[in-house]
Protein backbone atom coordinates (compact mmCIF):
# COMPACT_ATOMS: atom_id res chain seq x y z
CA UNK A 1 20.76 2.55 17.00
CA UNK A 2 20.51 4.94 19.95
CA UNK A 3 19.35 3.58 23.28
CA UNK A 4 16.22 5.75 23.28
CA UNK A 5 14.93 4.51 19.93
CA UNK A 6 12.57 1.57 19.79
CA UNK A 7 12.10 -0.69 16.80
CA UNK A 8 8.61 -1.00 15.38
CA UNK A 9 7.07 -2.46 12.28
CA UNK A 10 4.63 0.37 11.68
CA UNK A 11 3.56 0.81 8.09
CA UNK A 12 4.47 4.10 6.47
CA UNK A 13 1.10 3.96 4.68
CA UNK A 14 -1.42 2.31 7.06
CA UNK A 15 -3.94 1.96 4.23
CA UNK A 16 -1.59 -0.63 2.67
CA UNK A 17 -2.50 -3.24 5.30
CA UNK A 18 -5.17 -4.94 3.18
CA UNK A 19 -2.90 -5.05 0.11
CA UNK A 20 -0.05 -6.56 2.13
CA UNK A 21 -2.37 -9.18 3.62
CA UNK A 22 -3.59 -10.09 0.14
CA UNK A 23 -0.01 -10.34 -1.07
CA UNK A 24 0.83 -12.62 1.87
CA UNK A 25 -2.06 -14.96 1.02
CA UNK A 26 -1.15 -15.02 -2.68
CA UNK A 27 2.50 -15.84 -2.01
CA UNK A 28 1.69 -18.48 0.61
CA UNK A 29 -0.70 -20.13 -1.85
CA UNK A 30 1.96 -20.07 -4.59
CA UNK A 31 4.42 -21.73 -2.18
CA UNK A 32 1.87 -24.27 -0.95
CA UNK A 33 1.99 -22.99 2.63
CA UNK A 34 -1.49 -22.78 4.17
CA UNK A 35 -2.25 -19.59 6.11
CA UNK A 36 -3.94 -20.34 9.46
CA UNK A 37 -7.56 -19.21 9.60
CA UNK A 38 -7.20 -18.12 13.23
CA UNK A 39 -4.09 -16.03 12.51
CA UNK A 40 -1.90 -18.06 14.90
CA UNK A 41 1.48 -18.83 13.35
CA UNK A 42 2.95 -20.62 16.39
CA UNK A 43 2.72 -24.01 14.70
CA UNK A 44 4.69 -22.86 11.66
CA UNK A 45 8.41 -23.23 11.21
CA UNK A 46 10.65 -20.22 11.02
CA UNK A 47 11.61 -21.41 7.55
CA UNK A 48 7.98 -21.26 6.33
CA UNK A 49 7.25 -17.82 7.74
CA UNK A 50 10.65 -16.51 6.63
CA UNK A 51 10.07 -17.83 3.13
CA UNK A 52 6.75 -16.01 2.91
CA UNK A 53 8.34 -12.80 4.21
CA UNK A 54 11.26 -13.12 1.82
CA UNK A 55 9.00 -13.54 -1.19
CA UNK A 56 6.87 -10.59 -0.06
CA UNK A 57 10.00 -8.45 0.07
CA UNK A 58 11.15 -9.70 -3.34
CA UNK A 59 7.74 -8.94 -4.88
CA UNK A 60 7.61 -5.45 -3.31
CA UNK A 61 11.08 -4.67 -4.68
CA UNK A 62 9.98 -5.82 -8.14
CA UNK A 63 6.87 -3.64 -7.96
CA UNK A 64 8.96 -0.65 -6.83
CA UNK A 65 11.48 -1.15 -9.61
CA UNK A 66 8.69 -1.33 -12.17
CA UNK A 67 7.14 1.87 -10.88
CA UNK A 68 10.49 3.69 -10.86
CA UNK A 69 11.27 2.61 -14.41
CA UNK A 70 7.81 3.69 -15.56
CA UNK A 71 6.93 0.14 -16.53
CA UNK A 72 3.53 -1.51 -16.27
CA UNK A 73 2.62 -3.54 -13.24
CA UNK A 74 2.56 -1.90 -9.86
CA UNK A 75 0.32 -2.79 -6.96
CA UNK A 76 -2.66 -3.63 -9.16
CA UNK A 77 -0.65 -5.89 -11.46
């Protein structure tokens, strides 16, 4: 990466924020990891937050593969 570039986690589609939040809550619930009501994750282990992020990525890849193959599913499931 060039020295002048900065790394950001900006969404390509900002309207996807609500869907990603919902996905995070669904996955955390499936894993039995409670999401803090105040939004502060400082008391969580890296393992817990990484697990949630990993499963989000896995689910998004599955959704993308389904959409590319023309299969049912997608964001609405």
